[in-house]
Amino acid sequence: MQDQTILDRITALVDEEHKLRDDPAAPEANAPRLKSVAEQLDQCWDLLRQRRAKREFGADPETAAPRDIGTVENYSN
């Protein structure tokens, strides 16, 4: 997967997130999908960071792999 493909996915997810948040008709109905979109965004950003780090340190960015939600969501800064 190329960086641009990941960035395109991020853009699509952000667009969807904005549409869901702007829909005043069903905020409760949108909550599960918003949670899923947020998790997918976190995974995409994590994968992009992995690829960039591997490239920076001379490793093959194609060896980066998406991590599970539990791992990505439990990062601490």
PDB file of N, CA and C in Angstrom:
ATOM      1  N   MET A   1       0.848  -1.176   0.000  1.00  0.00           N
ATOM      2  CA  MET A   1       0.000   0.000   0.000  1.00  0.00           C
ATOM      3  C   MET A   1       0.893   1.239   0.000  1.00  0.00           C
ATOM      4  N   GLN A   2       0.573   2.170  -0.832  1.00  0.00           N
ATOM      5  CA  GLN A   2       1.350   3.399  -0.946  1.00  0.00           C
ATOM      6  C   GLN A   2       0.863   4.451   0.047  1.00  0.00           C
ATOM      7  N   ASP A   3       1.739   5.387   0.393  1.00  0.00           N
ATOM      8  CA  ASP A   3       1.366   6.475   1.300  1.00  0.00           C
ATOM      9  C   ASP A   3       0.164   7.243   0.772  1.00  0.00           C
ATOM     10  N   GLN A   4       0.129   7.495  -0.532  1.00  0.00           N
ATOM     11  CA  GLN A   4      -0.980   8.264  -1.101  1.00  0.00           C
ATOM     12  C   GLN A   4      -2.302   7.531  -0.925  1.00  0.00           C
ATOM     13  N   THR A   5      -2.283   6.219  -1.024  1.00  0.00           N
ATOM     14  CA  THR A   5      -3.494   5.429  -0.825  1.00  0.00           C
ATOM     15  C   THR A   5      -4.003   5.596   0.606  1.00  0.00           C
ATOM     16  N   ILE A   6      -3.085   5.591   1.552  1.00  0.00           N
ATOM     17  CA  ILE A   6      -3.449   5.781   2.962  1.00  0.00           C
ATOM     18  C   ILE A   6      -3.994   7.189   3.169  1.00  0.00           C
ATOM     19  N   LEU A   7      -3.334   8.176   2.585  1.00  0.00           N
ATOM     20  CA  LEU A   7      -3.803   9.557   2.702  1.00  0.00           C
ATOM     21  C   LEU A   7      -5.184   9.741   2.074  1.00  0.00           C
ATOM     22  N   ASP A   8      -5.427   9.076   0.955  1.00  0.00           N
ATOM     23  CA  ASP A   8      -6.747   9.141   0.322  1.00  0.00           C
ATOM     24  C   ASP A   8      -7.805   8.531   1.242  1.00  0.00           C
ATOM     25  N   ARG A   9      -7.466   7.429   1.899  1.00  0.00           N
ATOM     26  CA  ARG A   9      -8.398   6.797   2.838  1.00  0.00           C
ATOM     27  C   ARG A   9      -8.668   7.724   4.026  1.00  0.00           C
ATOM     28  N   ILE A  10      -7.627   8.377   4.521  1.00  0.00           N
ATOM     29  CA  ILE A  10      -7.789   9.325   5.627  1.00  0.00           C
ATOM     30  C   ILE A  10      -8.736  10.449   5.218  1.00  0.00           C
ATOM     31  N   THR A  11      -8.543  10.978   4.032  1.00  0.00           N
ATOM     32  CA  THR A  11      -9.407  12.055   3.533  1.00  0.00           C
ATOM     33  C   THR A  11     -10.856  11.603   3.455  1.00  0.00           C
ATOM     34  N   ALA A  12     -11.076  10.409   2.945  1.00  0.00           N
ATOM     35  CA  ALA A  12     -12.444   9.883   2.836  1.00  0.00           C
ATOM     36  C   ALA A  12     -13.073   9.695   4.214  1.00  0.00           C
ATOM     37  N   LEU A  13     -12.298   9.192   5.167  1.00  0.00           N
ATOM     38  CA  LEU A  13     -12.816   8.992   6.517  1.00  0.00           C
ATOM     39  C   LEU A  13     -13.121  10.323   7.203  1.00  0.00           C
ATOM     40  N   VAL A  14     -12.263  11.309   7.017  1.00  0.00           N
ATOM     41  CA  VAL A  14     -12.504  12.631   7.602  1.00  0.00           C
ATOM     42  C   VAL A  14     -13.764  13.244   6.998  1.00  0.00           C
ATOM     43  N   ASP A  15     -13.931  13.105   5.696  1.00  0.00           N
ATOM     44  CA  ASP A  15     -15.143  13.615   5.050  1.00  0.00           C
ATOM     45  C   ASP A  15     -16.388  12.942   5.627  1.00  0.00           C
ATOM     46  N   GLU A  16     -16.316  11.625   5.791  1.00  0.00           N
ATOM     47  CA  GLU A  16     -17.452  10.904   6.365  1.00  0.00           C
ATOM     48  C   GLU A  16     -17.720  11.349   7.799  1.00  0.00           C
ATOM     49  N   GLU A  17     -16.646  11.527   8.567  1.00  0.00           N
ATOM     50  CA  GLU A  17     -16.795  11.971   9.952  1.00  0.00           C
ATOM     51  C   GLU A  17     -17.501  13.327  10.020  1.00  0.00           C
ATOM     52  N   HIS A  18     -17.106  14.245   9.166  1.00  0.00           N
ATOM     53  CA  HIS A  18     -17.737  15.561   9.137  1.00  0.00           C
ATOM     54  C   HIS A  18     -19.221  15.458   8.788  1.00  0.00           C
ATOM     55  N   LYS A  19     -19.557  14.629   7.808  1.00  0.00           N
ATOM     56  CA  LYS A  19     -20.961  14.461   7.427  1.00  0.00           C
ATOM     57  C   LYS A  19     -21.767  13.883   8.585  1.00  0.00           C
ATOM     58  N   LEU A  20     -21.201  12.892   9.269  1.00  0.00           N
ATOM     59  CA  LEU A  20     -21.910  12.286  10.393  1.00  0.00           C
ATOM     60  C   LEU A  20     -22.113  13.287  11.528  1.00  0.00           C
ATOM     61  N   ARG A  21     -21.089  14.082  11.806  1.00  0.00           N
ATOM     62  CA  ARG A  21     -21.199  15.071  12.881  1.00  0.00           C
ATOM     63  C   ARG A  21     -22.154  16.211  12.520  1.00  0.00           C
ATOM     64  N   ASP A  22     -22.263  16.519  11.236  1.00  0.00           N
ATOM     65  CA  ASP A  22     -23.132  17.611  10.790  1.00  0.00           C
ATOM     66  C   ASP A  22     -24.587  17.189  10.637  1.00  0.00           C
ATOM     67  N   ASP A  23     -24.876  15.906  10.821  1.00  0.00           N
ATOM     68  CA  ASP A  23     -26.236  15.406  10.670  1.00  0.00           C
ATOM     69  C   ASP A  23     -26.982  15.533  11.998  1.00  0.00           C
ATOM     70  N   PRO A  24     -27.791  16.577  12.146  1.00  0.00           N
ATOM     71  CA  PRO A  24     -28.485  16.792  13.417  1.00  0.00           C
ATOM     72  C   PRO A  24     -29.648  15.830  13.635  1.00  0.00           C
ATOM     73  N   ALA A  25     -30.057  15.120  12.604  1.00  0.00           N
ATOM     74  CA  ALA A  25     -31.243  14.274  12.683  1.00  0.00           C
ATOM     75  C   ALA A  25     -31.061  13.058  13.581  1.00  0.00           C
ATOM     76  N   ALA A  26     -29.869  12.472  13.589  1.00  0.00           N
ATOM     77  CA  ALA A  26     -29.713  11.208  14.308  1.00  0.00           C
ATOM     78  C   ALA A  26     -28.357  11.073  14.984  1.00  0.00           C
ATOM     79  N   PRO A  27     -28.042  11.934  15.946  1.00  0.00           N
ATOM     80  CA  PRO A  27     -26.723  11.829  16.573  1.00  0.00           C
ATOM     81  C   PRO A  27     -26.490  10.482  17.276  1.00  0.00           C
ATOM     82  N   GLU A  28     -27.535   9.933  17.899  1.00  0.00           N
ATOM     83  CA  GLU A  28     -27.368   8.650  18.579  1.00  0.00           C
ATOM     84  C   GLU A  28     -27.153   7.525  17.564  1.00  0.00           C
ATOM     85  N   ALA A  29     -27.860   7.597  16.460  1.00  0.00           N
ATOM     86  CA  ALA A  29     -27.720   6.581  15.419  1.00  0.00           C
ATOM     87  C   ALA A  29     -26.339   6.628  14.776  1.00  0.00           C
ATOM     88  N   ASN A  30     -25.740   7.809  14.747  1.00  0.00           N
ATOM     89  CA  ASN A  30     -24.425   7.955  14.129  1.00  0.00           C
ATOM     90  C   ASN A  30     -23.279   7.590  15.057  1.00  0.00           C
ATOM     91  N   ALA A  31     -23.538   7.480  16.338  1.00  0.00           N
ATOM     92  CA  ALA A  31     -22.468   7.250  17.319  1.00  0.00           C
ATOM     93  C   ALA A  31     -21.637   6.003  17.025  1.00  0.00           C
ATOM     94  N   PRO A  32     -22.239   4.852  16.748  1.00  0.00           N
ATOM     95  CA  PRO A  32     -21.411   3.669  16.468  1.00  0.00           C
ATOM     96  C   PRO A  32     -20.524   3.853  15.234  1.00  0.00           C
ATOM     97  N   ARG A  33     -21.083   4.468  14.197  1.00  0.00           N
ATOM     98  CA  ARG A  33     -20.288   4.684  12.974  1.00  0.00           C
ATOM     99  C   ARG A  33     -19.179   5.699  13.228  1.00  0.00           C
ATOM    100  N   LEU A  34     -19.465   6.740  13.994  1.00  0.00           N
ATOM    101  CA  LEU A  34     -18.431   7.723  14.337  1.00  0.00           C
ATOM    102  C   LEU A  34     -17.279   7.056  15.089  1.00  0.00           C
ATOM    103  N   LYS A  35     -17.608   6.154  15.999  1.00  0.00           N
ATOM    104  CA  LYS A  35     -16.574   5.442  16.746  1.00  0.00           C
ATOM    105  C   LYS A  35     -15.721   4.606  15.796  1.00  0.00           C
ATOM    106  N   SER A  36     -16.370   3.911  14.883  1.00  0.00           N
ATOM    107  CA  SER A  36     -15.651   3.089  13.915  1.00  0.00           C
ATOM    108  C   SER A  36     -14.753   3.941  13.015  1.00  0.00           C
ATOM    109  N   VAL A  37     -15.280   5.065  12.550  1.00  0.00           N
ATOM    110  CA  VAL A  37     -14.491   5.968  11.697  1.00  0.00           C
ATOM    111  C   VAL A  37     -13.276   6.480  12.460  1.00  0.00           C
ATOM    112  N   ALA A  38     -13.463   6.867  13.724  1.00  0.00           N
ATOM    113  CA  ALA A  38     -12.346   7.364  14.536  1.00  0.00           C
ATOM    114  C   ALA A  38     -11.276   6.285  14.707  1.00  0.00           C
ATOM    115  N   GLU A  39     -11.697   5.064  14.932  1.00  0.00           N
ATOM    116  CA  GLU A  39     -10.738   3.966  15.084  1.00  0.00           C
ATOM    117  C   GLU A  39      -9.982   3.711  13.782  1.00  0.00           C
ATOM    118  N   GLN A  40     -10.698   3.737  12.672  1.00  0.00           N
ATOM    119  CA  GLN A  40     -10.049   3.543  11.374  1.00  0.00           C
ATOM    120  C   GLN A  40      -9.057   4.662  11.077  1.00  0.00           C
ATOM    121  N   LEU A  41      -9.432   5.888  11.437  1.00  0.00           N
ATOM    122  CA  LEU A  41      -8.507   7.011  11.251  1.00  0.00           C
ATOM    123  C   LEU A  41      -7.234   6.804  12.062  1.00  0.00           C
ATOM    124  N   ASP A  42      -7.391   6.382  13.309  1.00  0.00           N
ATOM    125  CA  ASP A  42      -6.216   6.129  14.149  1.00  0.00           C
ATOM    126  C   ASP A  42      -5.327   5.061  13.526  1.00  0.00           C
ATOM    127  N   GLN A  43      -5.941   4.011  12.994  1.00  0.00           N
ATOM    128  CA  GLN A  43      -5.158   2.953  12.357  1.00  0.00           C
ATOM    129  C   GLN A  43      -4.434   3.471  11.109  1.00  0.00           C
ATOM    130  N   CYS A  44      -5.110   4.266  10.322  1.00  0.00           N
ATOM    131  CA  CYS A  44      -4.477   4.810   9.111  1.00  0.00           C
ATOM    132  C   CYS A  44      -3.300   5.709   9.461  1.00  0.00           C
ATOM    133  N   TRP A  45      -3.505   6.614  10.425  1.00  0.00           N
ATOM    134  CA  TRP A  45      -2.410   7.502  10.825  1.00  0.00           C
ATOM    135  C   TRP A  45      -1.242   6.700  11.393  1.00  0.00           C
ATOM    136  N   ASP A  46      -1.539   5.663  12.167  1.00  0.00           N
ATOM    137  CA  ASP A  46      -0.487   4.818  12.724  1.00  0.00           C
ATOM    138  C   ASP A  46       0.295   4.129  11.611  1.00  0.00           C
ATOM    139  N   LEU A  47      -0.408   3.592  10.635  1.00  0.00           N
ATOM    140  CA  LEU A  47       0.254   2.918   9.521  1.00  0.00           C
ATOM    141  C   LEU A  47       1.128   3.900   8.737  1.00  0.00           C
ATOM    142  N   LEU A  48       0.621   5.088   8.506  1.00  0.00           N
ATOM    143  CA  LEU A  48       1.402   6.098   7.795  1.00  0.00           C
ATOM    144  C   LEU A  48       2.658   6.466   8.583  1.00  0.00           C
ATOM    145  N   ARG A  49       2.525   6.623   9.898  1.00  0.00           N
ATOM    146  CA  ARG A  49       3.702   6.922  10.737  1.00  0.00           C
ATOM    147  C   ARG A  49       4.713   5.776  10.700  1.00  0.00           C
ATOM    148  N   GLN A  50       4.225   4.544  10.739  1.00  0.00           N
ATOM    149  CA  GLN A  50       5.124   3.391  10.652  1.00  0.00           C
ATOM    150  C   GLN A  50       5.910   3.416   9.344  1.00  0.00           C
ATOM    151  N   ARG A  51       5.207   3.642   8.242  1.00  0.00           N
ATOM    152  CA  ARG A  51       5.850   3.656   6.929  1.00  0.00           C
ATOM    153  C   ARG A  51       6.910   4.752   6.839  1.00  0.00           C
ATOM    154  N   ARG A  52       6.565   5.929   7.341  1.00  0.00           N
ATOM    155  CA  ARG A  52       7.521   7.046   7.298  1.00  0.00           C
ATOM    156  C   ARG A  52       8.731   6.769   8.164  1.00  0.00           C
ATOM    157  N   ALA A  53       8.528   6.185   9.321  1.00  0.00           N
ATOM    158  CA  ALA A  53       9.647   5.862  10.205  1.00  0.00           C
ATOM    159  C   ALA A  53      10.550   4.804   9.569  1.00  0.00           C
ATOM    160  N   LYS A  54       9.962   3.787   8.998  1.00  0.00           N
ATOM    161  CA  LYS A  54      10.768   2.750   8.346  1.00  0.00           C
ATOM    162  C   LYS A  54      11.599   3.349   7.205  1.00  0.00           C
ATOM    163  N   ARG A  55      10.951   4.195   6.409  1.00  0.00           N
ATOM    164  CA  ARG A  55      11.659   4.833   5.301  1.00  0.00           C
ATOM    165  C   ARG A  55      12.812   5.691   5.827  1.00  0.00           C
ATOM    166  N   GLU A  56      12.556   6.458   6.880  1.00  0.00           N
ATOM    167  CA  GLU A  56      13.567   7.345   7.455  1.00  0.00           C
ATOM    168  C   GLU A  56      14.790   6.574   7.943  1.00  0.00           C
ATOM    169  N   PHE A  57      14.571   5.376   8.457  1.00  0.00           N
ATOM    170  CA  PHE A  57      15.679   4.607   9.017  1.00  0.00           C
ATOM    171  C   PHE A  57      16.167   3.497   8.092  1.00  0.00           C
ATOM    172  N   GLY A  58      15.823   3.608   6.811  1.00  0.00           N
ATOM    173  CA  GLY A  58      16.378   2.717   5.808  1.00  0.00           C
ATOM    174  C   GLY A  58      15.709   1.359   5.699  1.00  0.00           C
ATOM    175  N   ALA A  59      14.571   1.185   6.341  1.00  0.00           N
ATOM    176  CA  ALA A  59      13.845  -0.082   6.236  1.00  0.00           C
ATOM    177  C   ALA A  59      12.791   0.028   5.136  1.00  0.00           C
ATOM    178  N   ASP A  60      12.271  -1.096   4.731  1.00  0.00           N
ATOM    179  CA  ASP A  60      11.263  -1.148   3.678  1.00  0.00           C
ATOM    180  C   ASP A  60       9.905  -0.753   4.237  1.00  0.00           C
ATOM    181  N   PRO A  61       9.324   0.355   3.764  1.00  0.00           N
ATOM    182  CA  PRO A  61       8.021   0.781   4.279  1.00  0.00           C
ATOM    183  C   PRO A  61       6.911  -0.224   3.975  1.00  0.00           C
ATOM    184  N   GLU A  62       7.121  -1.086   2.994  1.00  0.00           N
ATOM    185  CA  GLU A  62       6.109  -2.083   2.651  1.00  0.00           C
ATOM    186  C   GLU A  62       5.969  -3.147   3.734  1.00  0.00           C
ATOM    187  N   THR A  63       6.901  -3.193   4.674  1.00  0.00           N
ATOM    188  CA  THR A  63       6.803  -4.166   5.766  1.00  0.00           C
ATOM    189  C   THR A  63       5.933  -3.647   6.910  1.00  0.00           C
ATOM    190  N   ALA A  64       5.524  -2.393   6.838  1.00  0.00           N
ATOM    191  CA  ALA A  64       4.617  -1.847   7.850  1.00  0.00           C
ATOM    192  C   ALA A  64       3.254  -2.508   7.683  1.00  0.00           C
ATOM    193  N   ALA A  65       2.600  -2.745   8.817  1.00  0.00           N
ATOM    194  CA  ALA A  65       1.292  -3.391   8.773  1.00  0.00           C
ATOM    195  C   ALA A  65       0.337  -2.696   9.736  1.00  0.00           C
ATOM    196  N   PRO A  66      -0.937  -2.681   9.375  1.00  0.00           N
ATOM    197  CA  PRO A  66      -1.912  -2.087  10.297  1.00  0.00           C
ATOM    198  C   PRO A  66      -1.915  -2.841  11.626  1.00  0.00           C
ATOM    199  N   ARG A  67      -1.997  -2.079  12.705  1.00  0.00           N
ATOM    200  CA  ARG A  67      -2.074  -2.701  14.023  1.00  0.00           C
ATOM    201  C   ARG A  67      -3.532  -2.723  14.473  1.00  0.00           C
ATOM    202  N   ASP A  68      -3.816  -3.639  15.398  1.00  0.00           N
ATOM    203  CA  ASP A  68      -5.193  -3.766  15.861  1.00  0.00           C
ATOM    204  C   ASP A  68      -5.610  -2.525  16.649  1.00  0.00           C
ATOM    205  N   ILE A  69      -6.917  -2.336  16.740  1.00  0.00           N
ATOM    206  CA  ILE A  69      -7.486  -1.163  17.405  1.00  0.00           C
ATOM    207  C   ILE A  69      -6.989  -1.044  18.852  1.00  0.00           C
ATOM    208  N   GLY A  70      -6.943  -2.158  19.556  1.00  0.00           N
ATOM    209  CA  GLY A  70      -6.502  -2.128  20.957  1.00  0.00           C
ATOM    210  C   GLY A  70      -5.111  -1.559  21.102  1.00  0.00           C
ATOM    211  N   THR A  71      -4.226  -1.904  20.219  1.00  0.00           N
ATOM    212  CA  THR A  71      -2.859  -1.395  20.274  1.00  0.00           C
ATOM    213  C   THR A  71      -2.825   0.090  19.945  1.00  0.00           C
ATOM    214  N   VAL A  72      -3.490   0.470  18.872  1.00  0.00           N
ATOM    215  CA  VAL A  72      -3.473   1.857  18.419  1.00  0.00           C
ATOM    216  C   VAL A  72      -4.170   2.767  19.414  1.00  0.00           C
ATOM    217  N   GLU A  73      -5.282   2.327  19.971  1.00  0.00           N
ATOM    218  CA  GLU A  73      -6.066   3.154  20.882  1.00  0.00           C
ATOM    219  C   GLU A  73      -5.415   3.314  22.256  1.00  0.00           C
ATOM    220  N   ASN A  74      -4.505   2.435  22.595  1.00  0.00           N
ATOM    221  CA  ASN A  74      -3.911   2.484  23.937  1.00  0.00           C
ATOM    222  C   ASN A  74      -2.511   3.068  23.960  1.00  0.00           C
ATOM    223  N   TYR A  75      -2.149   3.801  22.911  1.00  0.00           N
ATOM    224  CA  TYR A  75      -0.871   4.511  22.933  1.00  0.00           C
ATOM    225  C   TYR A  75      -0.878   5.548  24.023  1.00  0.00           C
ATOM    226  N   SER A  76       0.263   5.785  24.581  1.00  0.00           N
ATOM    227  CA  SER A  76       0.388   6.926  25.496  1.00  0.00           C
ATOM    228  C   SER A  76       1.502   7.802  24.979  1.00  0.00           C
ATOM    229  N   ASN A  77       1.318   9.080  25.079  1.00  0.00           N
ATOM    230  CA  ASN A  77       2.302  10.032  24.552  1.00  0.00           C
ATOM    231  C   ASN A  77       3.379  10.320  25.544  1.00  0.00           C
TER     232      ASN A  77
END
